[in-house]
């Protein structure tokens, strides 16, 4: 059965007054969908161990205990291995990704490997921060150059009033790097599929993004 590598953030704060991390539903909903489909799931992060959770993503939520347990013992990227061991990579969001995945060279190398091998590259919300400055294998282009994708929009960032605290606005940055970023209304369930690339706009798109990944992988079996 297909094997999916999920890579989550290890970054826990925007500044001392704003705690952040992984947005839980963007991990727990896809993880459950992948497991229910019979997929093998491996969870990794830049530094391994306990993945921080954005406190806001826990409000009014009863966390999936299996997801929480996996997030307590994430592998490092080195322990997770390379693209040859997996069929897809999935990147959940949370504002933490804007600080560590956006500047992490090992994850960019890994993404280039997945893309070069024609494997599924998927992300939701702020997960596409990992695409920033990633270079296409053997070509002088960014990985997102010419790709139709979506991500947490500049309008949504302003709506949550965190735009001034971000190192960059994700939608704008990806456009600068050559991506065709397609957006929908704030908080709309919106997914873009472009070949082996599958992206979702926001937390509300977590389930639909996972379903698109499942459909793509099942079509390859």
N, C-alpha and C. Protein backbone atom coordinates (compact mmCIF):
# COMPACT_ATOMS: atom_id res chain seq x y z
N UNK A 1 0.84 -1.20 0.00
CA UNK A 1 0.00 0.00 0.00
C UNK A 1 0.87 1.26 0.00
N UNK A 2 0.33 2.38 -0.46
CA UNK A 2 1.12 3.61 -0.50
C UNK A 2 1.63 4.02 0.88
N UNK A 3 2.76 4.70 0.85
CA UNK A 3 3.38 5.20 2.08
C UNK A 3 3.53 6.71 1.97
N UNK A 4 3.03 7.42 2.98
CA UNK A 4 3.00 8.89 2.96
C UNK A 4 3.89 9.44 4.07
N UNK A 5 4.76 10.37 3.70
CA UNK A 5 5.56 11.10 4.68
C UNK A 5 4.87 12.42 4.98
N UNK A 6 4.50 12.62 6.24
CA UNK A 6 3.94 13.90 6.66
C UNK A 6 5.02 14.66 7.41
N UNK A 7 5.30 15.88 6.98
CA UNK A 7 6.32 16.71 7.63
C UNK A 7 5.64 17.91 8.29
N UNK A 8 5.85 18.05 9.60
CA UNK A 8 5.21 19.12 10.37
C UNK A 8 6.28 20.06 10.92
N UNK A 9 5.85 21.21 11.36
CA UNK A 9 6.76 22.22 11.91
C UNK A 9 7.28 21.83 13.29
N UNK A 10 8.46 22.37 13.61
CA UNK A 10 9.02 22.24 14.96
C UNK A 10 9.05 23.60 15.68
N UNK A 11 8.54 24.64 15.01
CA UNK A 11 8.67 26.01 15.53
C UNK A 11 7.46 26.38 16.40
N UNK A 12 7.73 26.90 17.59
CA UNK A 12 6.66 27.05 18.58
C UNK A 12 6.20 28.47 18.89
N UNK A 13 6.86 29.48 18.34
CA UNK A 13 6.37 30.83 18.63
C UNK A 13 6.70 31.80 17.51
N UNK A 14 5.77 32.76 17.34
CA UNK A 14 6.00 33.86 16.40
C UNK A 14 6.85 34.91 17.10
N UNK A 15 6.46 35.24 18.32
CA UNK A 15 7.23 36.08 19.23
C UNK A 15 6.76 35.70 20.64
N UNK A 16 7.36 36.25 21.68
CA UNK A 16 6.99 35.83 23.04
C UNK A 16 5.51 35.96 23.37
N UNK A 17 4.81 36.82 22.65
CA UNK A 17 3.39 37.03 22.93
C UNK A 17 2.49 36.18 22.04
N UNK A 18 3.04 35.51 21.06
CA UNK A 18 2.23 34.74 20.11
C UNK A 18 2.82 33.34 19.94
N UNK A 19 2.24 32.39 20.64
CA UNK A 19 2.65 31.00 20.48
C UNK A 19 2.08 30.45 19.18
N UNK A 20 2.80 29.53 18.59
CA UNK A 20 2.32 28.94 17.33
C UNK A 20 2.78 27.49 17.27
N UNK A 21 2.81 26.94 16.07
CA UNK A 21 3.17 25.54 15.87
C UNK A 21 2.36 24.97 14.74
N UNK A 22 2.05 23.69 14.83
CA UNK A 22 1.22 22.99 13.85
C UNK A 22 -0.25 23.31 14.11
N UNK A 23 -1.01 23.50 13.03
CA UNK A 23 -2.47 23.64 13.17
C UNK A 23 -3.03 22.22 13.15
N UNK A 24 -3.56 21.76 14.30
CA UNK A 24 -3.80 20.35 14.52
C UNK A 24 -4.67 19.67 13.46
N UNK A 25 -5.80 20.27 13.09
CA UNK A 25 -6.70 19.58 12.16
C UNK A 25 -6.06 19.35 10.79
N UNK A 26 -5.08 20.18 10.44
CA UNK A 26 -4.42 20.01 9.15
C UNK A 26 -3.52 18.78 9.14
N UNK A 27 -3.24 18.27 10.32
CA UNK A 27 -2.51 17.01 10.46
C UNK A 27 -3.45 15.86 10.76
N UNK A 28 -4.31 16.04 11.77
CA UNK A 28 -5.10 14.92 12.26
C UNK A 28 -6.14 14.43 11.24
N UNK A 29 -6.77 15.35 10.51
CA UNK A 29 -7.78 14.94 9.53
C UNK A 29 -7.13 14.17 8.37
N UNK A 30 -6.08 14.71 7.74
CA UNK A 30 -5.43 13.93 6.68
C UNK A 30 -4.81 12.63 7.18
N UNK A 31 -4.18 12.66 8.35
CA UNK A 31 -3.58 11.44 8.88
C UNK A 31 -4.62 10.33 9.00
N UNK A 32 -5.78 10.66 9.58
CA UNK A 32 -6.84 9.67 9.74
C UNK A 32 -7.33 9.18 8.38
N UNK A 33 -7.49 10.10 7.44
CA UNK A 33 -7.95 9.72 6.10
C UNK A 33 -6.96 8.78 5.44
N UNK A 34 -5.68 9.06 5.56
CA UNK A 34 -4.67 8.19 4.96
C UNK A 34 -4.67 6.81 5.63
N UNK A 35 -4.76 6.79 6.95
CA UNK A 35 -4.76 5.52 7.66
C UNK A 35 -6.02 4.71 7.33
N UNK A 36 -7.17 5.39 7.26
CA UNK A 36 -8.42 4.71 6.93
C UNK A 36 -8.38 4.13 5.52
N UNK A 37 -7.59 4.74 4.64
CA UNK A 37 -7.44 4.25 3.27
C UNK A 37 -6.44 3.09 3.20
N UNK A 38 -5.82 2.76 4.34
CA UNK A 38 -4.87 1.66 4.38
C UNK A 38 -3.44 2.07 4.11
N UNK A 39 -3.18 3.38 4.06
CA UNK A 39 -1.83 3.86 3.78
C UNK A 39 -0.95 3.76 5.02
N UNK A 40 0.33 3.58 4.81
CA UNK A 40 1.32 3.68 5.86
C UNK A 40 1.69 5.15 6.01
N UNK A 41 1.73 5.65 7.24
CA UNK A 41 2.01 7.07 7.47
C UNK A 41 3.21 7.22 8.40
N UNK A 42 4.16 8.05 7.99
CA UNK A 42 5.33 8.37 8.81
C UNK A 42 5.31 9.88 9.06
N UNK A 43 5.51 10.28 10.32
CA UNK A 43 5.48 11.70 10.66
C UNK A 43 6.87 12.17 11.06
N UNK A 44 7.32 13.25 10.44
CA UNK A 44 8.65 13.79 10.71
C UNK A 44 8.57 15.30 10.90
N UNK A 45 9.64 15.87 11.42
CA UNK A 45 9.74 17.31 11.62
C UNK A 45 11.22 17.70 11.56
N UNK A 46 11.53 18.97 11.44
CA UNK A 46 12.93 19.36 11.31
C UNK A 46 13.83 18.87 12.45
N UNK A 47 13.35 18.91 13.69
CA UNK A 47 14.21 18.50 14.80
C UNK A 47 13.75 17.22 15.49
N UNK A 48 12.61 16.67 15.06
CA UNK A 48 12.11 15.43 15.65
C UNK A 48 11.50 15.65 17.03
N UNK A 49 10.99 14.57 17.60
CA UNK A 49 10.39 14.66 18.93
C UNK A 49 9.03 15.33 18.92
N UNK A 50 8.69 15.97 20.03
CA UNK A 50 7.37 16.59 20.19
C UNK A 50 7.18 17.76 19.22
N UNK A 51 6.14 17.69 18.42
CA UNK A 51 5.79 18.80 17.54
C UNK A 51 4.90 19.78 18.30
N UNK A 52 5.21 21.07 18.27
CA UNK A 52 4.38 22.05 18.97
C UNK A 52 3.04 22.24 18.26
N UNK A 53 1.99 22.46 19.05
CA UNK A 53 0.66 22.69 18.51
C UNK A 53 0.24 24.13 18.76
N UNK A 54 -0.29 24.76 17.73
CA UNK A 54 -0.82 26.12 17.91
C UNK A 54 -1.98 26.05 18.90
N UNK A 55 -1.91 26.79 20.01
CA UNK A 55 -2.98 26.72 21.01
C UNK A 55 -4.36 27.01 20.45
N UNK A 56 -4.45 27.88 19.47
CA UNK A 56 -5.75 28.24 18.90
C UNK A 56 -6.39 27.06 18.18
N UNK A 57 -5.56 26.14 17.68
CA UNK A 57 -6.10 24.99 16.95
C UNK A 57 -6.67 23.93 17.89
N UNK A 58 -6.49 24.13 19.19
CA UNK A 58 -7.01 23.18 20.17
C UNK A 58 -8.32 23.64 20.79
N UNK A 59 -8.73 24.88 20.48
CA UNK A 59 -9.94 25.43 21.09
C UNK A 59 -11.18 24.70 20.60
N UNK A 60 -11.95 24.15 21.52
CA UNK A 60 -13.18 23.44 21.19
C UNK A 60 -12.97 22.14 20.44
N UNK A 61 -11.77 21.59 20.53
CA UNK A 61 -11.43 20.38 19.79
C UNK A 61 -11.14 19.23 20.74
N UNK A 62 -11.59 18.02 20.37
CA UNK A 62 -11.22 16.82 21.10
C UNK A 62 -10.18 16.09 20.24
N UNK A 63 -8.89 16.29 20.54
CA UNK A 63 -7.84 15.75 19.67
C UNK A 63 -7.89 14.23 19.54
N UNK A 64 -7.58 13.75 18.36
CA UNK A 64 -7.45 12.33 18.10
C UNK A 64 -6.24 11.82 18.88
N UNK A 65 -6.43 10.93 19.85
CA UNK A 65 -5.30 10.48 20.68
C UNK A 65 -4.19 9.82 19.89
N UNK A 66 -4.52 9.14 18.79
CA UNK A 66 -3.48 8.50 17.98
C UNK A 66 -2.64 9.56 17.27
N UNK A 67 -3.29 10.61 16.80
CA UNK A 67 -2.56 11.70 16.15
C UNK A 67 -1.65 12.40 17.16
N UNK A 68 -2.17 12.65 18.34
CA UNK A 68 -1.39 13.31 19.38
C UNK A 68 -0.17 12.46 19.75
N UNK A 69 -0.36 11.16 19.83
CA UNK A 69 0.75 10.26 20.17
C UNK A 69 1.83 10.30 19.10
N UNK A 70 1.42 10.32 17.83
CA UNK A 70 2.41 10.38 16.75
C UNK A 70 3.17 11.71 16.77
N UNK A 71 2.48 12.78 17.13
CA UNK A 71 3.12 14.10 17.15
C UNK A 71 4.09 14.23 18.32
N UNK A 72 3.97 13.36 19.29
CA UNK A 72 4.89 13.39 20.43
C UNK A 72 6.21 12.72 20.12
N UNK A 73 6.27 11.99 19.01
CA UNK A 73 7.48 11.23 18.70
C UNK A 73 7.82 11.31 17.21
N UNK A 74 7.79 12.51 16.66
CA UNK A 74 8.13 12.66 15.25
C UNK A 74 9.59 12.30 15.00
N UNK A 75 9.86 11.77 13.81
CA UNK A 75 11.23 11.50 13.39
C UNK A 75 11.88 12.79 12.91
N UNK A 76 13.20 12.83 12.92
CA UNK A 76 13.88 13.92 12.22
C UNK A 76 13.80 13.63 10.73
N UNK A 77 14.07 14.64 9.92
CA UNK A 77 14.05 14.43 8.47
C UNK A 77 15.10 13.41 8.06
N UNK A 78 16.23 13.41 8.75
CA UNK A 78 17.28 12.45 8.43
C UNK A 78 16.82 11.03 8.76
N UNK A 79 16.13 10.86 9.87
CA UNK A 79 15.62 9.54 10.25
C UNK A 79 14.52 9.06 9.30
N UNK A 80 13.78 10.00 8.75
CA UNK A 80 12.67 9.64 7.87
C UNK A 80 13.15 9.06 6.55
N UNK A 81 14.34 9.42 6.13
CA UNK A 81 14.88 8.87 4.88
C UNK A 81 14.60 9.75 3.68
N UNK A 82 14.75 9.17 2.49
CA UNK A 82 14.62 9.96 1.27
C UNK A 82 13.33 9.62 0.51
N UNK A 83 13.14 10.31 -0.61
CA UNK A 83 11.90 10.19 -1.37
C UNK A 83 11.66 8.79 -1.92
N UNK A 84 12.73 8.04 -2.12
CA UNK A 84 12.58 6.70 -2.71
C UNK A 84 11.77 5.76 -1.82
N UNK A 85 11.65 6.11 -0.54
CA UNK A 85 10.95 5.25 0.41
C UNK A 85 9.45 5.52 0.50
N UNK A 86 8.99 6.55 -0.21
CA UNK A 86 7.60 7.01 -0.06
C UNK A 86 6.92 7.19 -1.41
N UNK A 87 5.61 7.29 -1.36
CA UNK A 87 4.80 7.56 -2.55
C UNK A 87 4.30 9.00 -2.59
N UNK A 88 4.29 9.66 -1.43
CA UNK A 88 3.81 11.04 -1.36
C UNK A 88 4.41 11.73 -0.14
N UNK A 89 4.50 13.05 -0.24
CA UNK A 89 4.85 13.87 0.90
C UNK A 89 3.69 14.84 1.13
N UNK A 90 3.35 15.04 2.41
CA UNK A 90 2.22 15.91 2.75
C UNK A 90 2.69 16.89 3.82
N UNK A 91 2.41 18.18 3.60
CA UNK A 91 2.87 19.24 4.49
C UNK A 91 1.69 19.99 5.09
N UNK A 92 1.34 19.73 6.34
CA UNK A 92 0.31 20.53 7.00
C UNK A 92 0.86 21.92 7.34
N UNK A 93 -0.05 22.80 7.70
CA UNK A 93 0.37 24.15 8.02
C UNK A 93 0.45 24.46 9.49
N UNK A 94 0.03 25.66 9.82
CA UNK A 94 0.32 26.27 11.11
C UNK A 94 1.39 27.31 10.85
N UNK A 95 1.32 28.43 11.56
CA UNK A 95 2.26 29.52 11.29
C UNK A 95 3.71 29.15 11.58
N UNK A 96 3.94 28.10 12.34
CA UNK A 96 5.31 27.67 12.58
C UNK A 96 6.08 27.39 11.31
N UNK A 97 5.38 26.88 10.29
CA UNK A 97 6.05 26.54 9.03
C UNK A 97 6.69 27.75 8.36
N UNK A 98 6.16 28.93 8.63
CA UNK A 98 6.68 30.15 8.02
C UNK A 98 8.08 30.47 8.52
N UNK A 99 8.46 29.87 9.64
CA UNK A 99 9.75 30.16 10.25
C UNK A 99 10.76 29.03 10.08
N UNK A 100 10.31 27.78 10.18
CA UNK A 100 11.31 26.71 10.04
C UNK A 100 11.25 25.98 8.69
N UNK A 101 10.08 25.58 8.22
CA UNK A 101 10.05 24.89 6.93
C UNK A 101 10.44 25.82 5.79
N UNK A 102 10.13 27.10 5.94
CA UNK A 102 10.47 28.06 4.89
C UNK A 102 11.97 28.21 4.71
N UNK A 103 12.74 27.95 5.75
CA UNK A 103 14.18 28.13 5.66
C UNK A 103 14.97 26.84 5.80
N UNK A 104 14.31 25.71 5.63
CA UNK A 104 14.95 24.42 5.89
C UNK A 104 15.42 23.77 4.59
N UNK A 105 16.73 23.72 4.38
CA UNK A 105 17.25 23.17 3.13
C UNK A 105 16.99 21.68 2.97
N UNK A 106 17.10 20.85 4.03
CA UNK A 106 16.81 19.43 3.85
C UNK A 106 15.40 19.15 3.32
N UNK A 107 14.40 19.92 3.78
CA UNK A 107 13.04 19.69 3.29
C UNK A 107 12.92 20.13 1.83
N UNK A 108 13.65 21.18 1.44
CA UNK A 108 13.60 21.63 0.05
C UNK A 108 14.25 20.59 -0.87
N UNK A 109 15.35 20.00 -0.41
CA UNK A 109 15.99 18.94 -1.18
C UNK A 109 15.05 17.75 -1.32
N UNK A 110 14.37 17.42 -0.22
CA UNK A 110 13.43 16.30 -0.24
C UNK A 110 12.28 16.57 -1.20
N UNK A 111 11.75 17.77 -1.18
CA UNK A 111 10.67 18.13 -2.09
C UNK A 111 11.11 18.03 -3.55
N UNK A 112 12.33 18.47 -3.83
CA UNK A 112 12.85 18.37 -5.19
C UNK A 112 12.97 16.92 -5.63
N UNK A 113 13.35 16.03 -4.69
CA UNK A 113 13.46 14.61 -5.00
C UNK A 113 12.08 14.02 -5.31
N UNK A 114 11.09 14.34 -4.48
CA UNK A 114 9.73 13.84 -4.72
C UNK A 114 9.24 14.28 -6.09
N UNK A 115 9.45 15.56 -6.41
CA UNK A 115 8.95 16.08 -7.68
C UNK A 115 9.70 15.45 -8.85
N UNK A 116 11.01 15.31 -8.74
CA UNK A 116 11.80 14.74 -9.83
C UNK A 116 11.40 13.29 -10.10
N UNK A 117 10.95 12.59 -9.05
CA UNK A 117 10.53 11.19 -9.20
C UNK A 117 9.05 11.07 -9.57
N UNK A 118 8.38 12.20 -9.78
CA UNK A 118 6.98 12.19 -10.18
C UNK A 118 6.04 11.76 -9.08
N UNK A 119 6.50 11.86 -7.84
CA UNK A 119 5.65 11.44 -6.71
C UNK A 119 4.77 12.60 -6.24
N UNK A 120 3.77 12.28 -5.47
CA UNK A 120 2.81 13.30 -5.03
C UNK A 120 3.46 14.27 -4.06
N UNK A 121 3.33 15.57 -4.36
CA UNK A 121 3.77 16.65 -3.48
C UNK A 121 2.51 17.39 -3.06
N UNK A 122 2.18 17.33 -1.76
CA UNK A 122 0.92 17.90 -1.29
C UNK A 122 1.15 18.76 -0.05
N UNK A 123 0.34 19.81 0.07
CA UNK A 123 0.46 20.71 1.21
C UNK A 123 -0.86 21.43 1.40
N UNK A 124 -1.07 21.92 2.62
CA UNK A 124 -2.30 22.65 2.91
C UNK A 124 -1.98 23.88 3.76
N UNK A 125 -2.69 24.95 3.50
CA UNK A 125 -2.64 26.19 4.29
C UNK A 125 -1.25 26.82 4.26
N UNK A 126 -0.52 26.85 5.39
CA UNK A 126 0.84 27.39 5.41
C UNK A 126 1.88 26.33 5.08
N UNK A 127 1.47 25.09 4.85
CA UNK A 127 2.42 24.06 4.47
C UNK A 127 3.26 24.43 3.25
N UNK A 128 2.67 25.12 2.23
CA UNK A 128 3.47 25.51 1.08
C UNK A 128 4.61 26.47 1.38
N UNK A 129 4.74 26.92 2.62
CA UNK A 129 5.92 27.73 2.98
C UNK A 129 7.20 26.95 2.70
N UNK A 130 7.12 25.62 2.77
CA UNK A 130 8.29 24.79 2.49
C UNK A 130 8.72 24.89 1.03
N UNK A 131 7.82 25.34 0.15
CA UNK A 131 8.16 25.45 -1.27
C UNK A 131 9.07 26.65 -1.56
N UNK A 132 9.06 27.62 -0.66
CA UNK A 132 9.79 28.87 -0.89
C UNK A 132 11.29 28.59 -1.03
N UNK A 133 11.86 29.05 -2.13
CA UNK A 133 13.29 28.92 -2.45
C UNK A 133 13.73 27.49 -2.76
N UNK A 134 12.79 26.56 -2.85
CA UNK A 134 13.15 25.20 -3.29
C UNK A 134 13.40 25.24 -4.79
N UNK A 135 14.47 24.56 -5.21
CA UNK A 135 14.89 24.61 -6.61
C UNK A 135 14.58 23.29 -7.31
N UNK A 136 14.10 23.39 -8.52
CA UNK A 136 13.78 22.21 -9.31
C UNK A 136 15.07 21.48 -9.66
N UNK A 137 15.06 20.17 -9.52
CA UNK A 137 16.25 19.36 -9.77
C UNK A 137 16.78 19.57 -11.18
N UNK A 138 18.08 19.89 -11.28
CA UNK A 138 18.80 20.02 -12.56
C UNK A 138 18.28 21.15 -13.44
N UNK A 139 17.52 22.09 -12.86
CA UNK A 139 17.03 23.22 -13.63
C UNK A 139 17.21 24.52 -12.84
N UNK A 140 17.34 25.64 -13.52
CA UNK A 140 17.54 26.92 -12.83
C UNK A 140 16.24 27.59 -12.41
N UNK A 141 15.22 26.80 -12.11
CA UNK A 141 13.92 27.36 -11.75
C UNK A 141 13.55 26.96 -10.32
N UNK A 142 12.72 27.78 -9.71
CA UNK A 142 12.15 27.39 -8.42
C UNK A 142 11.21 26.22 -8.65
N UNK A 143 10.98 25.46 -7.59
CA UNK A 143 10.15 24.28 -7.69
C UNK A 143 8.71 24.62 -8.08
N UNK A 144 8.25 25.81 -7.68
CA UNK A 144 6.87 26.19 -7.96
C UNK A 144 6.70 26.91 -9.28
N UNK A 145 7.79 27.17 -9.98
CA UNK A 145 7.72 27.93 -11.23
C UNK A 145 6.76 27.25 -12.22
N UNK A 146 5.71 27.98 -12.62
CA UNK A 146 4.75 27.46 -13.58
C UNK A 146 3.72 26.52 -12.99
N UNK A 147 3.78 26.28 -11.68
CA UNK A 147 2.82 25.37 -11.05
C UNK A 147 1.55 26.11 -10.64
N UNK A 148 0.40 25.44 -10.81
CA UNK A 148 -0.87 25.97 -10.31
C UNK A 148 -1.09 25.41 -8.91
N UNK A 149 -1.05 26.28 -7.93
CA UNK A 149 -1.18 25.86 -6.54
C UNK A 149 -2.09 26.82 -5.79
N UNK A 150 -2.39 26.47 -4.54
CA UNK A 150 -3.06 27.40 -3.64
C UNK A 150 -2.37 27.32 -2.29
N UNK A 151 -2.74 28.24 -1.41
CA UNK A 151 -2.13 28.31 -0.08
C UNK A 151 -2.96 29.27 0.77
N UNK A 152 -2.59 29.44 2.03
CA UNK A 152 -3.24 30.43 2.88
C UNK A 152 -3.01 31.79 2.24
N UNK A 153 -4.09 32.51 1.99
CA UNK A 153 -3.99 33.72 1.18
C UNK A 153 -3.56 34.93 1.98
N UNK A 154 -3.11 35.94 1.27
CA UNK A 154 -2.76 37.20 1.93
C UNK A 154 -3.98 37.78 2.64
N UNK A 155 -5.14 37.66 2.01
CA UNK A 155 -6.37 38.19 2.62
C UNK A 155 -6.69 37.46 3.92
N UNK A 156 -6.50 36.14 3.93
CA UNK A 156 -6.76 35.37 5.15
C UNK A 156 -5.74 35.73 6.24
N UNK A 157 -4.50 35.98 5.84
CA UNK A 157 -3.48 36.38 6.82
C UNK A 157 -3.84 37.70 7.46
N UNK A 158 -4.34 38.62 6.65
CA UNK A 158 -4.77 39.91 7.21
C UNK A 158 -5.99 39.74 8.09
N UNK A 159 -6.87 38.82 7.71
CA UNK A 159 -8.09 38.60 8.49
C UNK A 159 -7.78 38.09 9.89
N UNK A 160 -6.73 37.27 10.03
CA UNK A 160 -6.37 36.77 11.37
C UNK A 160 -5.41 37.71 12.08
N UNK A 161 -5.08 38.83 11.42
CA UNK A 161 -4.27 39.91 11.99
C UNK A 161 -2.86 39.45 12.40
N UNK A 162 -2.30 38.58 11.58
CA UNK A 162 -0.92 38.15 11.82
C UNK A 162 0.01 38.54 10.67
N UNK A 163 -0.52 39.26 9.69
CA UNK A 163 0.28 39.60 8.52
C UNK A 163 1.53 40.40 8.87
N UNK A 164 1.41 41.32 9.83
CA UNK A 164 2.56 42.16 10.19
C UNK A 164 3.63 41.39 10.96
N UNK A 165 3.28 40.20 11.45
CA UNK A 165 4.22 39.41 12.25
C UNK A 165 4.91 38.31 11.45
N UNK A 166 4.51 38.16 10.20
CA UNK A 166 5.09 37.12 9.37
C UNK A 166 6.37 37.60 8.68
N UNK A 167 7.32 36.70 8.44
CA UNK A 167 8.53 37.10 7.71
C UNK A 167 8.24 37.47 6.25
N UNK A 168 7.11 36.99 5.73
CA UNK A 168 6.64 37.32 4.38
C UNK A 168 5.20 36.87 4.29
N UNK A 169 4.49 37.34 3.26
CA UNK A 169 3.14 36.86 2.99
C UNK A 169 3.26 35.71 2.00
N UNK A 170 2.70 34.56 2.36
CA UNK A 170 2.95 33.35 1.61
C UNK A 170 2.45 33.42 0.17
N UNK A 171 1.23 33.86 -0.02
CA UNK A 171 0.70 33.95 -1.39
C UNK A 171 1.59 34.83 -2.26
N UNK A 172 1.94 36.00 -1.75
CA UNK A 172 2.77 36.93 -2.53
C UNK A 172 4.14 36.34 -2.82
N UNK A 173 4.75 35.69 -1.83
CA UNK A 173 6.07 35.11 -2.02
C UNK A 173 6.06 34.03 -3.09
N UNK A 174 5.05 33.16 -3.06
CA UNK A 174 4.98 32.09 -4.06
C UNK A 174 4.72 32.65 -5.45
N UNK A 175 3.95 33.70 -5.54
CA UNK A 175 3.75 34.36 -6.85
C UNK A 175 5.09 34.91 -7.36
N UNK A 176 5.86 35.53 -6.47
CA UNK A 176 7.16 36.08 -6.84
C UNK A 176 8.07 34.99 -7.40
N UNK A 177 7.90 33.77 -6.91
CA UNK A 177 8.77 32.67 -7.33
C UNK A 177 8.22 31.91 -8.54
N UNK A 178 7.20 32.47 -9.15
CA UNK A 178 6.73 31.92 -10.42
C UNK A 178 5.52 31.02 -10.34
N UNK A 179 4.94 30.87 -9.17
CA UNK A 179 3.75 30.02 -9.04
C UNK A 179 2.50 30.74 -9.54
N UNK A 180 1.59 29.97 -10.10
CA UNK A 180 0.26 30.46 -10.44
C UNK A 180 -0.63 30.14 -9.24
N UNK A 181 -0.74 31.09 -8.32
CA UNK A 181 -1.49 30.86 -7.09
C UNK A 181 -2.96 31.19 -7.33
N UNK A 182 -3.80 30.18 -7.19
CA UNK A 182 -5.24 30.34 -7.39
C UNK A 182 -5.90 30.42 -6.02
N UNK A 183 -6.69 31.45 -5.80
CA UNK A 183 -7.32 31.65 -4.49
C UNK A 183 -8.84 31.64 -4.60
N UNK A 184 -9.46 31.29 -3.50
CA UNK A 184 -10.92 31.35 -3.38
C UNK A 184 -11.25 32.31 -2.25
N UNK A 185 -12.53 32.44 -1.92
CA UNK A 185 -12.94 33.32 -0.83
C UNK A 185 -12.31 32.87 0.48
N UNK A 186 -12.15 33.79 1.40
CA UNK A 186 -11.60 33.47 2.71
C UNK A 186 -12.36 32.29 3.31
N UNK A 187 -11.60 31.29 3.80
CA UNK A 187 -12.11 30.13 4.52
C UNK A 187 -12.91 29.16 3.65
N UNK A 188 -12.87 29.36 2.33
CA UNK A 188 -13.54 28.41 1.43
C UNK A 188 -12.75 27.11 1.38
N UNK A 189 -13.45 26.00 1.21
CA UNK A 189 -12.82 24.69 1.01
C UNK A 189 -12.34 24.65 -0.44
N UNK A 190 -11.03 24.77 -0.63
CA UNK A 190 -10.50 24.96 -1.99
C UNK A 190 -9.22 24.15 -2.17
N UNK A 191 -9.21 23.32 -3.21
CA UNK A 191 -8.07 22.47 -3.52
C UNK A 191 -7.67 22.66 -4.98
N UNK A 192 -6.38 22.69 -5.24
CA UNK A 192 -5.86 22.74 -6.60
C UNK A 192 -5.03 21.49 -6.87
N UNK A 193 -5.26 20.87 -8.02
CA UNK A 193 -4.48 19.70 -8.46
C UNK A 193 -3.83 20.04 -9.79
N UNK A 194 -2.50 19.96 -9.82
CA UNK A 194 -1.74 20.23 -11.03
C UNK A 194 -0.72 19.10 -11.20
N UNK A 195 -1.09 18.09 -11.97
CA UNK A 195 -0.22 16.93 -12.12
C UNK A 195 -0.02 16.23 -10.79
N UNK A 196 1.22 16.08 -10.37
CA UNK A 196 1.53 15.40 -9.11
C UNK A 196 1.49 16.35 -7.91
N UNK A 197 1.07 17.60 -8.13
CA UNK A 197 1.01 18.59 -7.05
C UNK A 197 -0.44 18.77 -6.60
N UNK A 198 -0.65 18.72 -5.29
CA UNK A 198 -1.99 18.87 -4.70
C UNK A 198 -1.88 19.82 -3.52
N UNK A 199 -2.62 20.91 -3.55
CA UNK A 199 -2.54 21.90 -2.48
C UNK A 199 -3.93 22.36 -2.04
N UNK A 200 -4.05 22.69 -0.75
CA UNK A 200 -5.29 23.19 -0.18
C UNK A 200 -5.07 24.56 0.44
N UNK A 201 -6.10 25.37 0.44
CA UNK A 201 -5.95 26.79 0.80
C UNK A 201 -5.84 27.07 2.29
N UNK A 202 -6.53 26.33 3.13
CA UNK A 202 -6.69 26.74 4.54
C UNK A 202 -7.10 25.53 5.38
N UNK A 203 -7.30 25.69 6.69
CA UNK A 203 -7.71 24.54 7.50
C UNK A 203 -8.98 23.87 7.00
N UNK A 204 -9.90 24.66 6.48
CA UNK A 204 -11.17 24.12 5.99
C UNK A 204 -10.98 23.19 4.80
N UNK A 205 -9.82 23.24 4.18
CA UNK A 205 -9.52 22.42 3.00
C UNK A 205 -8.77 21.14 3.35
N UNK A 206 -8.53 20.89 4.62
CA UNK A 206 -7.71 19.75 5.03
C UNK A 206 -8.26 18.42 4.54
N UNK A 207 -9.54 18.17 4.77
CA UNK A 207 -10.15 16.91 4.36
C UNK A 207 -10.16 16.74 2.86
N UNK A 208 -10.49 17.79 2.13
CA UNK A 208 -10.56 17.70 0.67
C UNK A 208 -9.19 17.50 0.06
N UNK A 209 -8.18 18.12 0.66
CA UNK A 209 -6.82 17.93 0.16
C UNK A 209 -6.39 16.48 0.36
N UNK A 210 -6.69 15.93 1.54
CA UNK A 210 -6.35 14.53 1.81
C UNK A 210 -7.08 13.60 0.84
N UNK A 211 -8.34 13.87 0.57
CA UNK A 211 -9.10 13.04 -0.37
C UNK A 211 -8.48 13.07 -1.76
N UNK A 212 -8.00 14.24 -2.17
CA UNK A 212 -7.37 14.35 -3.48
C UNK A 212 -6.08 13.54 -3.54
N UNK A 213 -5.33 13.54 -2.43
CA UNK A 213 -4.10 12.74 -2.36
C UNK A 213 -4.43 11.25 -2.43
N UNK A 214 -5.44 10.85 -1.68
CA UNK A 214 -5.86 9.45 -1.69
C UNK A 214 -6.28 9.00 -3.10
N UNK A 215 -7.08 9.82 -3.74
CA UNK A 215 -7.54 9.51 -5.09
C UNK A 215 -6.35 9.37 -6.04
N UNK A 216 -5.40 10.30 -5.94
CA UNK A 216 -4.24 10.27 -6.84
C UNK A 216 -3.40 9.03 -6.60
N UNK A 217 -3.21 8.65 -5.35
CA UNK A 217 -2.38 7.47 -5.05
C UNK A 217 -3.10 6.18 -5.43
N UNK A 218 -4.38 6.13 -5.19
CA UNK A 218 -5.14 4.91 -5.56
C UNK A 218 -5.16 4.72 -7.06
N UNK A 219 -5.15 5.81 -7.81
CA UNK A 219 -5.14 5.74 -9.27
C UNK A 219 -3.84 5.18 -9.79
N UNK A 220 -2.80 5.22 -8.97
CA UNK A 220 -1.48 4.74 -9.39
C UNK A 220 -1.24 3.28 -9.04
N UNK A 221 -2.11 2.71 -8.19
CA UNK A 221 -1.90 1.33 -7.75
C UNK A 221 -2.25 0.36 -8.88
